[in-house]
Amino acid sequence: MDRDLSLNIARVTEAAALSGAKFLGKGDKNGADGAAVDAMRRMFDTVHINGTVVIGEGEIDEAPMLYIGEEIGTRQNDDVAVDIAVDPIDGTTAISNGMNNAIAVVAVAPEGCLLHAPDVYMKKIACGPAAKGKIQLDDTVENNIKRVAEAVGKSMEDITVSVLDRPRHDDLIQEIRKTGARIRKISDGDIVTAIYTCFEESGIDLIMGIGGAPEGVVAAAALKCLGGDFQGRLVHFDDAQLSRIEKSPAEEGKIYTIDDLVKGDDVIFSATGVSNGDLLKGVHFMKGNKASTQSLVLRLPSRTVRFIDSVHDLNHKPEYAK
């Protein structure tokens, strides 16, 4: 893929963030998500790709735009064929409640390189580059924490594990605490938390638990660009979710490595902060109908990590924040 594509993908996440941020703290997570989806779709229409959404906002009969299987981009004869994974807002509850760490996300890879994960759950484990190769999804909590601690040069008591704050994780939390490790519970947004494992200043060494499978693929794309590690296995909690798995090309019992989820070494990832977070600043609306954004843009094979600070004059970009 052309390396210049990364800047255009950043424009897509900026558009989604600017539109979604209009709903910060207004108690309308569906409105925020819908606005971000619409803005992302409009911006994709300007990008020279022959794209297919493999991770999106549901099936064709569930979402008007950016549904799984939708073809996007200018789709001209010489446009590159790519898989697209989108999460217009990772952290809709955070947006609704005016909380931190909501982001707009897109991952792009050549056609056939992103796992077409169904909209079900995934048991996950992820870590940063220092512990790559040291995690194993089906091993014990204690053994995984011990190996990660050895790899990063810490005691087990100084390891911090991030876990989604859900009742399903009560037993997992107890197992982690028995090792002496610290826990950081998060209410929402497990993509950005997986990325944190690759930034030492975040203080997060490991993520564990069950979250969304589509988010798992997106997180794996980011971690692959950053040199981190990820493993996941699909999980279902009802017959409808089982049916989605059976209709998909994915396998329920298989442990997917980071290279299974994101094949090859040509990946672009962009995330733009919607609300303020530990990694990215959120959208800030300023006088004169201007707004600032901060984005993280990653690219393989170069492993380039870019933080892009932008100021947008919305008088000249009305489509960004409708």
Protein backbone atom coordinates (compact mmCIF):
# COMPACT_ATOMS: atom_id res chain seq x y z
CA MET A 1 0.00 0.00 0.00
CA ASP A 2 1.13 3.54 -0.74
CA ARG A 3 2.55 5.10 2.42
CA ASP A 4 0.68 8.33 1.61
CA LEU A 5 -2.52 6.40 2.30
CA SER A 6 -1.80 6.68 6.03
CA LEU A 7 -2.49 10.43 6.03
CA ASN A 8 -5.80 9.92 4.22
CA ILE A 9 -6.81 7.28 6.76
CA ALA A 10 -5.97 9.79 9.51
CA ARG A 11 -8.38 12.22 7.85
CA VAL A 12 -11.07 9.55 8.10
CA THR A 13 -10.63 9.09 11.87
CA GLU A 14 -10.39 12.88 12.35
CA ALA A 15 -13.75 13.31 10.64
CA ALA A 16 -15.36 10.66 12.85
CA ALA A 17 -13.87 12.16 16.01
CA LEU A 18 -14.98 15.69 15.17
CA SER A 19 -18.55 14.56 14.57
CA GLY A 20 -18.75 12.17 17.51
CA ALA A 21 -17.29 14.71 19.95
CA LYS A 22 -20.35 16.95 19.43
CA PHE A 23 -22.18 14.42 21.62
CA LEU A 24 -19.69 14.34 24.51
CA GLY A 25 -21.56 14.16 27.81
CA LYS A 26 -25.01 14.42 26.23
CA GLY A 27 -26.22 10.93 27.14
CA ASP A 28 -26.77 9.86 23.53
CA LYS A 29 -24.28 7.15 22.63
CA ASN A 30 -26.28 6.05 19.58
CA GLY A 31 -26.36 9.60 18.27
CA ALA A 32 -22.60 9.91 18.74
CA ASP A 33 -21.95 6.62 16.98
CA GLY A 34 -24.28 7.48 14.11
CA ALA A 35 -22.66 10.88 13.56
CA ALA A 36 -19.18 9.31 13.59
CA VAL A 37 -20.26 6.60 11.13
CA ASP A 38 -21.73 9.15 8.72
CA ALA A 39 -18.64 11.37 8.84
CA MET A 40 -16.31 8.41 8.38
CA ARG A 41 -18.33 7.21 5.39
CA ARG A 42 -18.27 10.62 3.71
CA MET A 43 -14.50 10.87 4.09
CA PHE A 44 -13.91 7.32 2.82
CA ASP A 45 -15.71 8.36 -0.38
CA THR A 46 -12.72 10.61 -1.15
CA VAL A 47 -9.98 8.01 -0.52
CA HIS A 48 -8.44 6.23 -3.51
CA ILE A 49 -8.94 2.63 -2.41
CA ASN A 50 -10.96 -0.37 -3.52
CA GLY A 51 -12.02 -1.17 0.03
CA THR A 52 -14.23 -3.79 1.63
CA VAL A 53 -15.40 -3.42 5.23
CA VAL A 54 -14.56 -6.64 7.09
CA ILE A 55 -15.02 -5.20 10.60
CA GLY A 56 -17.87 -2.68 10.70
CA GLU A 57 -21.14 -1.53 12.23
CA GLY A 58 -22.99 -4.82 11.85
CA GLU A 59 -24.54 -6.70 8.93
CA ILE A 60 -26.16 -5.05 5.90
CA ASP A 61 -29.64 -5.32 7.43
CA GLU A 62 -28.48 -3.84 10.76
CA ALA A 63 -26.58 -0.71 9.71
CA PRO A 64 -27.14 1.81 6.91
CA MET A 65 -23.44 2.56 6.46
CA LEU A 66 -20.10 0.87 7.03
CA TYR A 67 -21.71 -2.54 7.36
CA ILE A 68 -19.69 -5.71 6.99
CA GLY A 69 -19.17 -6.39 3.30
CA GLU A 70 -19.77 -2.80 2.18
CA GLU A 71 -17.54 -1.59 -0.63
CA ILE A 72 -16.02 1.84 0.03
CA GLY A 73 -13.53 4.25 -1.45
CA THR A 74 -13.35 5.77 -4.93
CA ARG A 75 -12.94 2.26 -6.36
CA GLN A 76 -11.24 3.30 -9.57
CA ASN A 77 -9.46 0.78 -11.78
CA ASP A 78 -6.01 1.47 -10.34
CA ASP A 79 -7.10 1.74 -6.68
CA VAL A 80 -5.50 -0.79 -4.34
CA ALA A 81 -7.79 -3.56 -2.97
CA VAL A 82 -7.84 -3.46 0.82
CA ASP A 83 -9.62 -4.84 3.87
CA ILE A 84 -11.02 -2.16 6.18
CA ALA A 85 -11.73 -2.48 9.90
CA VAL A 86 -13.59 0.42 11.49
CA ASP A 87 -14.74 1.39 14.95
CA PRO A 88 -16.18 4.89 14.51
CA ILE A 89 -16.20 5.31 18.29
CA ASP A 90 -14.47 2.84 20.59
CA GLY A 91 -16.04 3.96 23.85
CA THR A 92 -19.58 5.11 23.09
CA THR A 93 -20.53 4.85 26.77
CA ALA A 94 -17.58 7.09 27.61
CA ILE A 95 -18.82 9.67 25.09
CA SER A 96 -22.35 9.48 26.46
CA ASN A 97 -21.16 10.07 30.02
CA GLY A 98 -18.45 12.62 29.22
CA MET A 99 -15.68 10.23 30.23
CA ASN A 100 -12.13 9.74 28.96
CA ASN A 101 -10.43 7.48 26.40
CA ALA A 102 -12.97 7.37 23.57
CA ILE A 103 -11.29 7.13 20.15
CA ALA A 104 -12.22 6.81 16.46
CA VAL A 105 -10.33 3.97 14.78
CA VAL A 106 -9.55 2.55 11.33
CA ALA A 107 -7.20 -0.28 10.34
CA VAL A 108 -6.31 -1.06 6.73
CA ALA A 109 -4.48 -4.03 5.22
CA PRO A 110 -4.25 -5.61 1.76
CA GLU A 111 -7.24 -7.66 0.68
CA GLY A 112 -7.51 -10.95 2.56
CA CYS A 113 -5.20 -9.94 5.40
CA LEU A 114 -7.67 -9.07 8.19
CA LEU A 115 -9.68 -11.79 9.91
CA HIS A 116 -13.39 -11.40 9.17
CA ALA A 117 -14.37 -11.69 12.83
CA PRO A 118 -18.11 -11.92 13.51
CA ASP A 119 -19.82 -9.57 15.95
CA VAL A 120 -19.38 -11.81 18.99
CA TYR A 121 -17.00 -11.92 21.95
CA MET A 122 -13.35 -12.83 22.16
CA LYS A 123 -11.17 -13.99 25.04
CA LYS A 124 -8.01 -11.90 24.76
CA ILE A 125 -4.52 -11.45 26.07
CA ALA A 126 -2.11 -8.77 24.84
CA CYS A 127 1.22 -7.24 25.80
CA GLY A 128 3.86 -4.82 24.54
CA PRO A 129 7.04 -5.49 22.53
CA ALA A 130 9.23 -6.38 25.53
CA ALA A 131 7.05 -9.41 26.33
CA LYS A 132 6.29 -10.51 22.77
CA GLY A 133 6.21 -14.30 22.55
CA LYS A 134 5.72 -14.68 26.31
CA ILE A 135 1.91 -14.79 26.47
CA GLN A 136 -0.28 -17.85 25.97
CA LEU A 137 -4.05 -17.53 26.07
CA ASP A 138 -4.72 -20.99 27.51
CA ASP A 139 -1.99 -20.90 30.15
CA THR A 140 -2.72 -19.88 33.73
CA VAL A 141 -3.03 -16.28 34.80
CA GLU A 142 -0.08 -16.74 37.14
CA ASN A 143 2.22 -18.16 34.48
CA ASN A 144 1.40 -15.42 32.00
CA ILE A 145 2.00 -12.67 34.54
CA LYS A 146 5.23 -14.33 35.67
CA ARG A 147 6.63 -14.54 32.14
CA VAL A 148 5.65 -10.96 31.33
CA ALA A 149 7.22 -9.74 34.57
CA GLU A 150 10.48 -11.50 33.72
CA ALA A 151 10.44 -10.08 30.20
CA VAL A 152 9.92 -6.47 31.27
CA GLY A 153 12.26 -6.68 34.27
CA LYS A 154 9.66 -6.21 37.01
CA SER A 155 8.44 -8.18 39.97
CA MET A 156 4.99 -9.72 39.64
CA GLU A 157 3.74 -7.25 42.24
CA ASP A 158 4.68 -4.38 39.93
CA ILE A 159 2.84 -5.71 36.89
CA THR A 160 -0.42 -3.91 36.01
CA VAL A 161 -3.12 -5.86 34.21
CA SER A 162 -6.02 -4.05 32.55
CA VAL A 163 -9.43 -5.74 32.69
CA LEU A 164 -12.84 -4.59 31.47
CA ASP A 165 -15.07 -3.91 34.47
CA ARG A 166 -17.70 -6.57 33.85
CA PRO A 167 -19.28 -9.21 36.15
CA ARG A 168 -17.94 -11.93 33.87
CA HIS A 169 -14.43 -11.01 35.00
CA ASP A 170 -14.97 -11.42 38.76
CA ASP A 171 -13.10 -14.75 38.87
CA LEU A 172 -10.32 -13.47 36.61
CA ILE A 173 -9.80 -10.45 38.85
CA GLN A 174 -9.45 -12.69 41.87
CA GLU A 175 -6.88 -14.85 40.07
CA ILE A 176 -4.86 -11.79 39.11
CA ARG A 177 -4.92 -10.43 42.65
CA LYS A 178 -3.70 -13.76 44.02
CA THR A 179 -0.47 -13.27 42.06
CA GLY A 180 0.10 -9.91 43.74
CA ALA A 181 -0.24 -8.01 40.44
CA ARG A 182 -2.12 -4.75 40.18
CA ILE A 183 -5.40 -4.34 38.29
CA ARG A 184 -6.65 -1.35 36.35
CA LYS A 185 -10.34 -1.72 35.60
CA ILE A 186 -11.72 0.06 32.56
CA SER A 187 -15.36 0.77 31.84
CA ASP A 188 -15.09 0.85 28.07
CA GLY A 189 -12.66 0.96 25.15
CA ASP A 190 -10.44 -2.12 25.07
CA ILE A 191 -8.74 -1.12 21.79
CA VAL A 192 -6.96 1.86 23.28
CA THR A 193 -6.11 -0.14 26.40
CA ALA A 194 -4.40 -2.82 24.32
CA ILE A 195 -2.37 -0.08 22.65
CA TYR A 196 -1.31 1.19 26.09
CA THR A 197 0.71 -1.99 26.63
CA CYS A 198 3.14 -0.72 23.96
CA PHE A 199 3.77 2.60 25.71
CA GLU A 200 5.76 2.21 28.92
CA GLU A 201 4.52 5.50 30.33
CA SER A 202 0.95 4.16 30.38
CA GLY A 203 1.83 1.81 33.23
CA ILE A 204 -0.16 -1.08 31.69
CA ASP A 205 1.80 -4.26 31.04
CA LEU A 206 -0.89 -6.74 30.06
CA ILE A 207 -4.57 -6.97 29.14
CA MET A 208 -6.74 -9.99 29.89
CA GLY A 209 -10.40 -10.87 29.65
CA ILE A 210 -13.32 -11.08 27.27
CA GLY A 211 -14.30 -8.22 24.97
CA GLY A 212 -15.59 -7.70 21.47
CA ALA A 213 -14.10 -9.86 18.71
CA PRO A 214 -14.12 -7.06 16.10
CA GLU A 215 -12.26 -4.82 18.54
CA GLY A 216 -9.76 -7.64 18.99
CA VAL A 217 -8.85 -7.61 15.30
CA VAL A 218 -8.48 -3.81 15.31
CA ALA A 219 -6.31 -3.92 18.44
CA ALA A 220 -4.16 -6.66 16.91
CA ALA A 221 -3.54 -4.44 13.86
CA ALA A 222 -2.27 -1.65 16.09
CA LEU A 223 -0.13 -3.95 18.20
CA LYS A 224 1.41 -5.54 15.12
CA CYS A 225 2.51 -2.08 13.96
CA LEU A 226 3.97 -1.40 17.41
CA GLY A 227 5.72 -4.76 17.81
CA GLY A 228 3.41 -6.01 20.55
CA ASP A 229 1.65 -9.35 20.87
CA PHE A 230 -1.97 -10.52 20.93
CA GLN A 231 -3.89 -13.78 21.12
CA GLY A 232 -7.63 -14.33 21.03
CA ARG A 233 -10.33 -16.99 20.80
CA LEU A 234 -13.97 -16.45 19.83
CA VAL A 235 -16.56 -16.85 22.59
CA HIS A 236 -20.37 -16.92 22.42
CA PHE A 237 -22.96 -16.41 25.14
CA ASP A 238 -26.16 -17.20 23.24
CA ASP A 239 -27.46 -19.01 20.17
CA ALA A 240 -27.51 -15.86 18.04
CA GLN A 241 -23.79 -15.32 18.63
CA LEU A 242 -23.07 -18.98 17.90
CA SER A 243 -24.96 -18.63 14.62
CA ARG A 244 -22.82 -15.63 13.66
CA ILE A 245 -19.67 -17.66 14.27
CA GLU A 246 -20.95 -20.61 12.26
CA LYS A 247 -21.77 -18.33 9.31
CA SER A 248 -18.36 -16.65 9.42
CA PRO A 249 -14.99 -17.90 8.13
CA ALA A 250 -13.65 -17.80 11.70
CA GLU A 251 -13.39 -20.83 14.02
CA GLU A 252 -14.70 -20.76 17.58
CA GLY A 253 -12.20 -23.08 19.26
CA LYS A 254 -9.05 -21.80 17.57
CA ILE A 255 -6.52 -19.62 19.33
CA TYR A 256 -5.76 -16.81 16.90
CA THR A 257 -2.28 -15.33 17.08
CA ILE A 258 -1.55 -11.77 16.04
CA ASP A 259 -0.36 -13.08 12.66
CA ASP A 260 -3.61 -15.02 12.19
CA LEU A 261 -5.69 -11.93 12.91
CA VAL A 262 -3.56 -9.61 10.78
CA LYS A 263 -1.63 -11.37 8.03
CA GLY A 264 1.41 -9.96 6.25
CA ASP A 265 3.50 -6.92 7.02
CA ASP A 266 1.57 -4.12 5.31
CA VAL A 267 -0.78 -2.45 7.79
CA ILE A 268 -1.99 1.09 8.44
CA PHE A 269 -3.70 2.05 11.68
CA SER A 270 -5.12 5.40 12.71
CA ALA A 271 -6.82 6.48 15.93
CA THR A 272 -8.05 9.98 16.75
CA GLY A 273 -9.01 10.99 20.27
CA VAL A 274 -12.68 11.85 20.73
CA SER A 275 -12.51 12.51 24.47
CA ASN A 276 -9.31 13.16 26.43
CA GLY A 277 -7.24 10.13 27.35
CA ASP A 278 -3.88 8.97 28.61
CA LEU A 279 -2.66 8.37 25.06
CA LEU A 280 -4.49 10.94 22.94
CA LYS A 281 -6.05 14.34 23.55
CA GLY A 282 -9.72 14.57 22.72
CA VAL A 283 -11.38 16.99 20.33
CA HIS A 284 -11.28 20.56 21.60
CA PHE A 285 -13.77 23.01 20.11
CA MET A 286 -12.48 26.58 19.97
CA LYS A 287 -13.82 30.01 19.15
CA GLY A 288 -14.18 30.92 15.50
CA ASN A 289 -15.73 27.51 14.78
CA LYS A 290 -12.38 25.76 14.94
CA ALA A 291 -11.42 22.48 16.58
CA SER A 292 -8.21 20.64 17.40
CA THR A 293 -7.57 16.91 17.14
CA GLN A 294 -4.74 14.54 18.01
CA SER A 295 -4.20 11.29 16.13
CA LEU A 296 -1.92 8.27 16.40
CA VAL A 297 -0.95 6.91 12.97
CA LEU A 298 0.98 3.63 12.67
CA ARG A 299 2.41 1.87 9.65
CA LEU A 300 4.08 -1.42 8.81
CA PRO A 301 6.60 -2.45 7.65
CA SER A 302 8.38 0.73 8.74
CA ARG A 303 6.90 0.66 12.28
CA THR A 304 6.54 4.41 12.00
CA VAL A 305 4.69 5.94 14.96
CA ARG A 306 3.28 9.39 14.31
CA PHE A 307 1.32 11.68 16.60
CA ILE A 308 -0.48 14.27 14.48
CA ASP A 309 -1.84 17.47 16.03
CA SER A 310 -4.27 19.29 13.76
CA VAL A 311 -6.42 22.41 13.88
CA HIS A 312 -9.54 22.35 11.72
CA ASP A 313 -11.44 25.40 10.51
CA LEU A 314 -14.93 23.95 10.43
CA ASN A 315 -16.20 26.86 8.38
CA HIS A 316 -14.24 25.32 5.50
CA LYS A 317 -15.01 21.70 6.43
CA PRO A 318 -18.71 21.66 7.27
CA GLU A 319 -18.99 17.99 6.33
CA TYR A 320 -16.64 17.07 9.22
CA ALA A 321 -18.97 17.97 12.03
CA LYS A 322 -22.54 17.80 10.75
